[in-house]
PDB file of N, CA and C in Angstrom:
ATOM      1  N   MET A   1     -16.173 -68.357 -55.248  1.00  0.00           N
ATOM      2  CA  MET A   1     -16.774 -68.113 -53.951  1.00  0.00           C
ATOM      3  C   MET A   1     -16.676 -66.626 -53.645  1.00  0.00           C
ATOM      4  N   THR A   2     -17.737 -66.054 -53.122  1.00  0.00           N
ATOM      5  CA  THR A   2     -17.727 -64.629 -52.819  1.00  0.00           C
ATOM      6  C   THR A   2     -17.398 -64.417 -51.351  1.00  0.00           C
ATOM      7  N   GLU A   3     -16.803 -63.282 -51.091  1.00  0.00           N
ATOM      8  CA  GLU A   3     -16.423 -62.939 -49.724  1.00  0.00           C
ATOM      9  C   GLU A   3     -17.660 -62.525 -48.942  1.00  0.00           C
ATOM     10  N   GLN A   4     -17.776 -63.020 -47.730  1.00  0.00           N
ATOM     11  CA  GLN A   4     -18.908 -62.679 -46.880  1.00  0.00           C
ATOM     12  C   GLN A   4     -18.679 -61.326 -46.227  1.00  0.00           C
ATOM     13  N   PRO A   5     -19.742 -60.524 -46.064  1.00  0.00           N
ATOM     14  CA  PRO A   5     -19.578 -59.240 -45.389  1.00  0.00           C
ATOM     15  C   PRO A   5     -19.231 -59.462 -43.926  1.00  0.00           C
ATOM     16  N   PRO A   6     -18.613 -58.470 -43.310  1.00  0.00           N
ATOM     17  CA  PRO A   6     -18.277 -58.615 -41.887  1.00  0.00           C
ATOM     18  C   PRO A   6     -19.531 -58.779 -41.048  1.00  0.00           C
ATOM     19  N   SER A   7     -19.414 -59.515 -39.988  1.00  0.00           N
ATOM     20  CA  SER A   7     -20.538 -59.725 -39.079  1.00  0.00           C
ATOM     21  C   SER A   7     -20.873 -58.444 -38.342  1.00  0.00           C
ATOM     22  N   THR A   8     -22.157 -58.258 -38.077  1.00  0.00           N
ATOM     23  CA  THR A   8     -22.586 -57.115 -37.265  1.00  0.00           C
ATOM     24  C   THR A   8     -22.983 -57.564 -35.862  1.00  0.00           C
ATOM     25  N   ASP A   9     -22.803 -58.846 -35.576  1.00  0.00           N
ATOM     26  CA  ASP A   9     -23.098 -59.366 -34.248  1.00  0.00           C
ATOM     27  C   ASP A   9     -22.081 -58.789 -33.262  1.00  0.00           C
ATOM     28  N   PRO A  10     -22.561 -58.136 -32.186  1.00  0.00           N
ATOM     29  CA  PRO A  10     -21.623 -57.529 -31.232  1.00  0.00           C
ATOM     30  C   PRO A  10     -20.594 -58.503 -30.684  1.00  0.00           C
ATOM     31  N   GLU A  11     -20.929 -59.779 -30.599  1.00  0.00           N
ATOM     32  CA  GLU A  11     -19.974 -60.761 -30.082  1.00  0.00           C
ATOM     33  C   GLU A  11     -18.854 -61.056 -31.084  1.00  0.00           C
ATOM     34  N   ASP A  12     -19.069 -60.699 -32.359  1.00  0.00           N
ATOM     35  CA  ASP A  12     -18.079 -60.969 -33.397  1.00  0.00           C
ATOM     36  C   ASP A  12     -17.218 -59.761 -33.737  1.00  0.00           C
ATOM     37  N   LEU A  13     -17.379 -58.654 -33.033  1.00  0.00           N
ATOM     38  CA  LEU A  13     -16.625 -57.452 -33.363  1.00  0.00           C
ATOM     39  C   LEU A  13     -15.144 -57.641 -33.086  1.00  0.00           C
ATOM     40  N   ASP A  14     -14.345 -57.038 -33.936  1.00  0.00           N
ATOM     41  CA  ASP A  14     -12.890 -57.082 -33.807  1.00  0.00           C
ATOM     42  C   ASP A  14     -12.490 -56.350 -32.533  1.00  0.00           C
ATOM     43  N   PRO A  15     -11.761 -57.005 -31.631  1.00  0.00           N
ATOM     44  CA  PRO A  15     -11.360 -56.341 -30.385  1.00  0.00           C
ATOM     45  C   PRO A  15     -10.550 -55.067 -30.630  1.00  0.00           C
ATOM     46  N   GLU A  16      -9.725 -55.039 -31.689  1.00  0.00           N
ATOM     47  CA  GLU A  16      -8.953 -53.833 -31.985  1.00  0.00           C
ATOM     48  C   GLU A  16      -9.870 -52.689 -32.406  1.00  0.00           C
ATOM     49  N   ALA A  17     -10.904 -52.993 -33.199  1.00  0.00           N
ATOM     50  CA  ALA A  17     -11.846 -51.964 -33.624  1.00  0.00           C
ATOM     51  C   ALA A  17     -12.631 -51.448 -32.419  1.00  0.00           C
ATOM     52  N   GLU A  18     -13.009 -52.350 -31.524  1.00  0.00           N
ATOM     53  CA  GLU A  18     -13.718 -51.931 -30.317  1.00  0.00           C
ATOM     54  C   GLU A  18     -12.841 -51.012 -29.462  1.00  0.00           C
ATOM     55  N   ALA A  19     -11.573 -51.365 -29.313  1.00  0.00           N
ATOM     56  CA  ALA A  19     -10.653 -50.558 -28.515  1.00  0.00           C
ATOM     57  C   ALA A  19     -10.461 -49.186 -29.147  1.00  0.00           C
ATOM     58  N   ALA A  20     -10.323 -49.143 -30.472  1.00  0.00           N
ATOM     59  CA  ALA A  20     -10.155 -47.865 -31.166  1.00  0.00           C
ATOM     60  C   ALA A  20     -11.383 -46.986 -30.964  1.00  0.00           C
ATOM     61  N   ALA A  21     -12.562 -47.582 -31.084  1.00  0.00           N
ATOM     62  CA  ALA A  21     -13.793 -46.816 -30.894  1.00  0.00           C
ATOM     63  C   ALA A  21     -13.897 -46.308 -29.459  1.00  0.00           C
ATOM     64  N   ALA A  22     -13.505 -47.137 -28.500  1.00  0.00           N
ATOM     65  CA  ALA A  22     -13.571 -46.733 -27.098  1.00  0.00           C
ATOM     66  C   ALA A  22     -12.624 -45.569 -26.799  1.00  0.00           C
ATOM     67  N   GLU A  23     -11.510 -45.496 -27.543  1.00  0.00           N
ATOM     68  CA  GLU A  23     -10.539 -44.424 -27.338  1.00  0.00           C
ATOM     69  C   GLU A  23     -10.864 -43.187 -28.171  1.00  0.00           C
ATOM     70  N   GLY A  24     -11.996 -43.234 -28.895  1.00  0.00           N
ATOM     71  CA  GLY A  24     -12.388 -42.095 -29.700  1.00  0.00           C
ATOM     72  C   GLY A  24     -11.785 -42.075 -31.087  1.00  0.00           C
ATOM     73  N   GLU A  25     -11.081 -43.137 -31.463  1.00  0.00           N
ATOM     74  CA  GLU A  25     -10.505 -43.237 -32.798  1.00  0.00           C
ATOM     75  C   GLU A  25     -11.562 -43.803 -33.748  1.00  0.00           C
ATOM     76  N   THR A  26     -11.459 -43.441 -35.015  1.00  0.00           N
ATOM     77  CA  THR A  26     -12.365 -43.992 -36.003  1.00  0.00           C
ATOM     78  C   THR A  26     -11.898 -45.398 -36.355  1.00  0.00           C
ATOM     79  N   PRO A  27     -12.749 -46.404 -36.125  1.00  0.00           N
ATOM     80  CA  PRO A  27     -12.348 -47.764 -36.476  1.00  0.00           C
ATOM     81  C   PRO A  27     -12.291 -47.928 -37.993  1.00  0.00           C
ATOM     82  N   THR A  28     -11.521 -48.884 -38.464  1.00  0.00           N
ATOM     83  CA  THR A  28     -11.431 -49.152 -39.892  1.00  0.00           C
ATOM     84  C   THR A  28     -11.970 -50.545 -40.179  1.00  0.00           C
ATOM     85  N   THR A  29     -12.451 -50.704 -41.398  1.00  0.00           N
ATOM     86  CA  THR A  29     -13.015 -51.986 -41.816  1.00  0.00           C
ATOM     87  C   THR A  29     -12.087 -52.742 -42.734  1.00  0.00           C
ATOM     88  N   GLY A  30     -11.113 -52.039 -43.322  1.00  0.00           N
ATOM     89  CA  GLY A  30     -10.255 -52.655 -44.312  1.00  0.00           C
ATOM     90  C   GLY A  30     -10.810 -52.513 -45.724  1.00  0.00           C
ATOM     91  N   VAL A  31     -12.005 -51.949 -45.842  1.00  0.00           N
ATOM     92  CA  VAL A  31     -12.617 -51.686 -47.145  1.00  0.00           C
ATOM     93  C   VAL A  31     -12.552 -50.176 -47.350  1.00  0.00           C
ATOM     94  N   PRO A  32     -11.695 -49.710 -48.265  1.00  0.00           N
ATOM     95  CA  PRO A  32     -11.476 -48.267 -48.399  1.00  0.00           C
ATOM     96  C   PRO A  32     -12.744 -47.432 -48.567  1.00  0.00           C
ATOM     97  N   ALA A  33     -13.684 -47.884 -49.385  1.00  0.00           N
ATOM     98  CA  ALA A  33     -14.916 -47.112 -49.602  1.00  0.00           C
ATOM     99  C   ALA A  33     -15.717 -46.986 -48.308  1.00  0.00           C
ATOM    100  N   VAL A  34     -15.770 -48.049 -47.541  1.00  0.00           N
ATOM    101  CA  VAL A  34     -16.509 -48.032 -46.276  1.00  0.00           C
ATOM    102  C   VAL A  34     -15.763 -47.191 -45.240  1.00  0.00           C
ATOM    103  N   ASP A  35     -14.444 -47.305 -45.207  1.00  0.00           N
ATOM    104  CA  ASP A  35     -13.650 -46.522 -44.258  1.00  0.00           C
ATOM    105  C   ASP A  35     -13.823 -45.025 -44.493  1.00  0.00           C
ATOM    106  N   ARG A  36     -13.937 -44.608 -45.764  1.00  0.00           N
ATOM    107  CA  ARG A  36     -14.164 -43.182 -46.055  1.00  0.00           C
ATOM    108  C   ARG A  36     -15.517 -42.731 -45.521  1.00  0.00           C
ATOM    109  N   VAL A  37     -16.536 -43.568 -45.678  1.00  0.00           N
ATOM    110  CA  VAL A  37     -17.869 -43.231 -45.165  1.00  0.00           C
ATOM    111  C   VAL A  37     -17.840 -43.131 -43.642  1.00  0.00           C
ATOM    112  N   VAL A  38     -17.201 -44.097 -42.995  1.00  0.00           N
ATOM    113  CA  VAL A  38     -17.114 -44.090 -41.526  1.00  0.00           C
ATOM    114  C   VAL A  38     -16.397 -42.822 -41.053  1.00  0.00           C
ATOM    115  N   ALA A  39     -15.328 -42.449 -41.732  1.00  0.00           N
ATOM    116  CA  ALA A  39     -14.591 -41.236 -41.350  1.00  0.00           C
ATOM    117  C   ALA A  39     -15.458 -39.993 -41.526  1.00  0.00           C
ATOM    118  N   ASP A  40     -16.226 -39.934 -42.630  1.00  0.00           N
ATOM    119  CA  ASP A  40     -17.126 -38.795 -42.844  1.00  0.00           C
ATOM    120  C   ASP A  40     -18.169 -38.718 -41.731  1.00  0.00           C
ATOM    121  N   LEU A  41     -18.735 -39.856 -41.359  1.00  0.00           N
ATOM    122  CA  LEU A  41     -19.748 -39.878 -40.300  1.00  0.00           C
ATOM    123  C   LEU A  41     -19.140 -39.513 -38.950  1.00  0.00           C
ATOM    124  N   ASP A  42     -17.900 -39.912 -38.739  1.00  0.00           N
ATOM    125  CA  ASP A  42     -17.226 -39.602 -37.480  1.00  0.00           C
ATOM    126  C   ASP A  42     -17.036 -38.094 -37.306  1.00  0.00           C
ATOM    127  N   ARG A  43     -16.910 -37.369 -38.410  1.00  0.00           N
ATOM    128  CA  ARG A  43     -16.715 -35.916 -38.345  1.00  0.00           C
ATOM    129  C   ARG A  43     -18.011 -35.147 -38.134  1.00  0.00           C
ATOM    130  N   LEU A  44     -19.143 -35.827 -38.110  1.00  0.00           N
ATOM    131  CA  LEU A  44     -20.421 -35.133 -37.950  1.00  0.00           C
ATOM    132  C   LEU A  44     -20.544 -34.400 -36.621  1.00  0.00           C
ATOM    133  N   ASP A  45     -19.870 -34.880 -35.593  1.00  0.00           N
ATOM    134  CA  ASP A  45     -19.944 -34.218 -34.287  1.00  0.00           C
ATOM    135  C   ASP A  45     -19.511 -32.756 -34.368  1.00  0.00           C
ATOM    136  N   ASP A  46     -18.605 -32.453 -35.289  1.00  0.00           N
ATOM    137  CA  ASP A  46     -18.085 -31.095 -35.416  1.00  0.00           C
ATOM    138  C   ASP A  46     -18.804 -30.286 -36.489  1.00  0.00           C
ATOM    139  N   ALA A  47     -19.752 -30.906 -37.194  1.00  0.00           N
ATOM    140  CA  ALA A  47     -20.444 -30.223 -38.287  1.00  0.00           C
ATOM    141  C   ALA A  47     -21.784 -29.663 -37.796  1.00  0.00           C
ATOM    142  N   PRO A  48     -22.202 -28.540 -38.369  1.00  0.00           N
ATOM    143  CA  PRO A  48     -23.515 -27.991 -38.019  1.00  0.00           C
ATOM    144  C   PRO A  48     -24.616 -28.985 -38.386  1.00  0.00           C
ATOM    145  N   LEU A  49     -25.677 -28.997 -37.620  1.00  0.00           N
ATOM    146  CA  LEU A  49     -26.792 -29.918 -37.834  1.00  0.00           C
ATOM    147  C   LEU A  49     -27.330 -29.829 -39.261  1.00  0.00           C
ATOM    148  N   GLU A  50     -27.312 -28.643 -39.833  1.00  0.00           N
ATOM    149  CA  GLU A  50     -27.842 -28.449 -41.186  1.00  0.00           C
ATOM    150  C   GLU A  50     -27.072 -29.264 -42.228  1.00  0.00           C
ATOM    151  N   GLU A  51     -25.845 -29.649 -41.933  1.00  0.00           N
ATOM    152  CA  GLU A  51     -25.026 -30.396 -42.880  1.00  0.00           C
ATOM    153  C   GLU A  51     -25.186 -31.911 -42.742  1.00  0.00           C
ATOM    154  N   HIS A  52     -25.798 -32.360 -41.670  1.00  0.00           N
ATOM    155  CA  HIS A  52     -25.890 -33.789 -41.400  1.00  0.00           C
ATOM    156  C   HIS A  52     -26.645 -34.553 -42.482  1.00  0.00           C
ATOM    157  N   LEU A  53     -27.770 -34.033 -42.937  1.00  0.00           N
ATOM    158  CA  LEU A  53     -28.569 -34.751 -43.922  1.00  0.00           C
ATOM    159  C   LEU A  53     -27.760 -35.034 -45.186  1.00  0.00           C
ATOM    160  N   ALA A  54     -27.045 -34.046 -45.681  1.00  0.00           N
ATOM    161  CA  ALA A  54     -26.245 -34.240 -46.894  1.00  0.00           C
ATOM    162  C   ALA A  54     -25.167 -35.307 -46.674  1.00  0.00           C
ATOM    163  N   VAL A  55     -24.566 -35.328 -45.495  1.00  0.00           N
ATOM    164  CA  VAL A  55     -23.535 -36.330 -45.193  1.00  0.00           C
ATOM    165  C   VAL A  55     -24.166 -37.724 -45.154  1.00  0.00           C
ATOM    166  N   PHE A  56     -25.339 -37.842 -44.525  1.00  0.00           N
ATOM    167  CA  PHE A  56     -26.017 -39.139 -44.475  1.00  0.00           C
ATOM    168  C   PHE A  56     -26.414 -39.603 -45.875  1.00  0.00           C
ATOM    169  N   GLU A  57     -26.881 -38.686 -46.709  1.00  0.00           N
ATOM    170  CA  GLU A  57     -27.261 -39.062 -48.075  1.00  0.00           C
ATOM    171  C   GLU A  57     -26.054 -39.531 -48.875  1.00  0.00           C
ATOM    172  N   ARG A  58     -24.921 -38.832 -48.740  1.00  0.00           N
ATOM    173  CA  ARG A  58     -23.696 -39.258 -49.426  1.00  0.00           C
ATOM    174  C   ARG A  58     -23.235 -40.622 -48.903  1.00  0.00           C
ATOM    175  N   ALA A  59     -23.334 -40.812 -47.590  1.00  0.00           N
ATOM    176  CA  ALA A  59     -22.927 -42.088 -46.989  1.00  0.00           C
ATOM    177  C   ALA A  59     -23.794 -43.221 -47.534  1.00  0.00           C
ATOM    178  N   HIS A  60     -25.092 -42.993 -47.587  1.00  0.00           N
ATOM    179  CA  HIS A  60     -25.995 -44.027 -48.098  1.00  0.00           C
ATOM    180  C   HIS A  60     -25.675 -44.359 -49.549  1.00  0.00           C
ATOM    181  N   GLU A  61     -25.472 -43.341 -50.368  1.00  0.00           N
ATOM    182  CA  GLU A  61     -25.164 -43.556 -51.783  1.00  0.00           C
ATOM    183  C   GLU A  61     -23.831 -44.307 -51.944  1.00  0.00           C
ATOM    184  N   SER A  62     -22.832 -43.913 -51.181  1.00  0.00           N
ATOM    185  CA  SER A  62     -21.522 -44.569 -51.265  1.00  0.00           C
ATOM    186  C   SER A  62     -21.602 -46.032 -50.848  1.00  0.00           C
ATOM    187  N   LEU A  63     -22.312 -46.302 -49.759  1.00  0.00           N
ATOM    188  CA  LEU A  63     -22.436 -47.681 -49.292  1.00  0.00           C
ATOM    189  C   LEU A  63     -23.266 -48.509 -50.261  1.00  0.00           C
ATOM    190  N   ARG A  64     -24.327 -47.931 -50.807  1.00  0.00           N
ATOM    191  CA  ARG A  64     -25.155 -48.643 -51.782  1.00  0.00           C
ATOM    192  C   ARG A  64     -24.320 -48.986 -53.019  1.00  0.00           C
ATOM    193  N   SER A  65     -23.508 -48.041 -53.490  1.00  0.00           N
ATOM    194  CA  SER A  65     -22.645 -48.291 -54.650  1.00  0.00           C
ATOM    195  C   SER A  65     -21.652 -49.411 -54.359  1.00  0.00           C
ATOM    196  N   ALA A  66     -21.088 -49.403 -53.153  1.00  0.00           N
ATOM    197  CA  ALA A  66     -20.136 -50.451 -52.779  1.00  0.00           C
ATOM    198  C   ALA A  66     -20.811 -51.818 -52.740  1.00  0.00           C
ATOM    199  N   LEU A  67     -22.045 -51.865 -52.239  1.00  0.00           N
ATOM    200  CA  LEU A  67     -22.765 -53.136 -52.175  1.00  0.00           C
ATOM    201  C   LEU A  67     -23.207 -53.613 -53.553  1.00  0.00           C
ATOM    202  N   ASP A  68     -23.525 -52.669 -54.439  1.00  0.00           N
ATOM    203  CA  ASP A  68     -23.997 -53.019 -55.776  1.00  0.00           C
ATOM    204  C   ASP A  68     -22.858 -53.357 -56.741  1.00  0.00           C
ATOM    205  N   ALA A  69     -21.640 -52.977 -56.395  1.00  0.00           N
ATOM    206  CA  ALA A  69     -20.493 -53.237 -57.277  1.00  0.00           C
ATOM    207  C   ALA A  69     -20.273 -54.740 -57.391  1.00  0.00           C
ATOM    208  N   PRO A  70     -19.908 -55.192 -58.581  1.00  0.00           N
ATOM    209  CA  PRO A  70     -19.626 -56.619 -58.714  1.00  0.00           C
ATOM    210  C   PRO A  70     -18.457 -57.009 -57.831  1.00  0.00           C
ATOM    211  N   SER A  71     -18.559 -58.148 -57.213  1.00  0.00           N
ATOM    212  CA  SER A  71     -17.468 -58.612 -56.345  1.00  0.00           C
ATOM    213  C   SER A  71     -16.336 -59.140 -57.206  1.00  0.00           C
ATOM    214  N   VAL A  72     -15.150 -59.032 -56.694  1.00  0.00           N
ATOM    215  CA  VAL A  72     -13.959 -59.535 -57.375  1.00  0.00           C
ATOM    216  C   VAL A  72     -13.553 -60.810 -56.682  1.00  0.00           C
ATOM    217  N   ASP A  73     -13.581 -61.903 -57.437  1.00  0.00           N
ATOM    218  CA  ASP A  73     -13.174 -63.175 -56.858  1.00  0.00           C
ATOM    219  C   ASP A  73     -11.676 -63.179 -56.622  1.00  0.00           C
ATOM    220  N   GLN A  74     -11.290 -63.725 -55.513  1.00  0.00           N
ATOM    221  CA  GLN A  74      -9.872 -63.831 -55.175  1.00  0.00           C
ATOM    222  C   GLN A  74      -9.262 -64.986 -55.960  1.00  0.00           C
ATOM    223  N   PRO A  75      -7.982 -64.879 -56.312  1.00  0.00           N
ATOM    224  CA  PRO A  75      -7.328 -65.994 -57.016  1.00  0.00           C
ATOM    225  C   PRO A  75      -7.460 -67.276 -56.201  1.00  0.00           C
ATOM    226  N   GLY A  76      -7.799 -68.337 -56.900  1.00  0.00           N
ATOM    227  CA  GLY A  76      -7.934 -69.631 -56.229  1.00  0.00           C
ATOM    228  C   GLY A  76      -9.337 -69.923 -55.759  1.00  0.00           C
ATOM    229  N   ASP A  77     -10.242 -68.924 -55.805  1.00  0.00           N
ATOM    230  CA  ASP A  77     -11.626 -69.150 -55.402  1.00  0.00           C
ATOM    231  C   ASP A  77     -12.332 -69.932 -56.490  1.00  0.00           C
ATOM    232  N   ALA A  78     -13.134 -70.887 -56.098  1.00  0.00           N
ATOM    233  CA  ALA A  78     -13.912 -71.666 -57.058  1.00  0.00           C
ATOM    234  C   ALA A  78     -15.386 -71.350 -56.855  1.00  0.00           C
ATOM    235  N   ASP A  79     -16.129 -71.285 -57.958  1.00  0.00           N
ATOM    236  CA  ASP A  79     -17.583 -71.050 -57.858  1.00  0.00           C
ATOM    237  C   ASP A  79     -18.325 -72.322 -57.606  1.00  0.00           C
TER     238      ASP A  79
END
C-alpha cells in the first residue's frame, strides 16, 4: 500500500502548521525534500525579485523529483 499525499483541503490542515504559519514560522511537512523547498520559498521575501524565477524553477524541479521518486513501502504494508 502506498502512502497518500497530505490533503490540501483547508479543513484538513494541521492546526500546528496553521499556527506556525500565522506566527510567521515556516511550517513543516515532515518530508525533508518538501520542507527544504518550503524554506527556500519562505526566504523569497528577502530576495531581490530577479532571483525569484530561479528559486521557483528549483522548487518545481525538486518537487517534481520527489513526486517521481519511487515510493518506499513501509514494513507490514501489503499490496
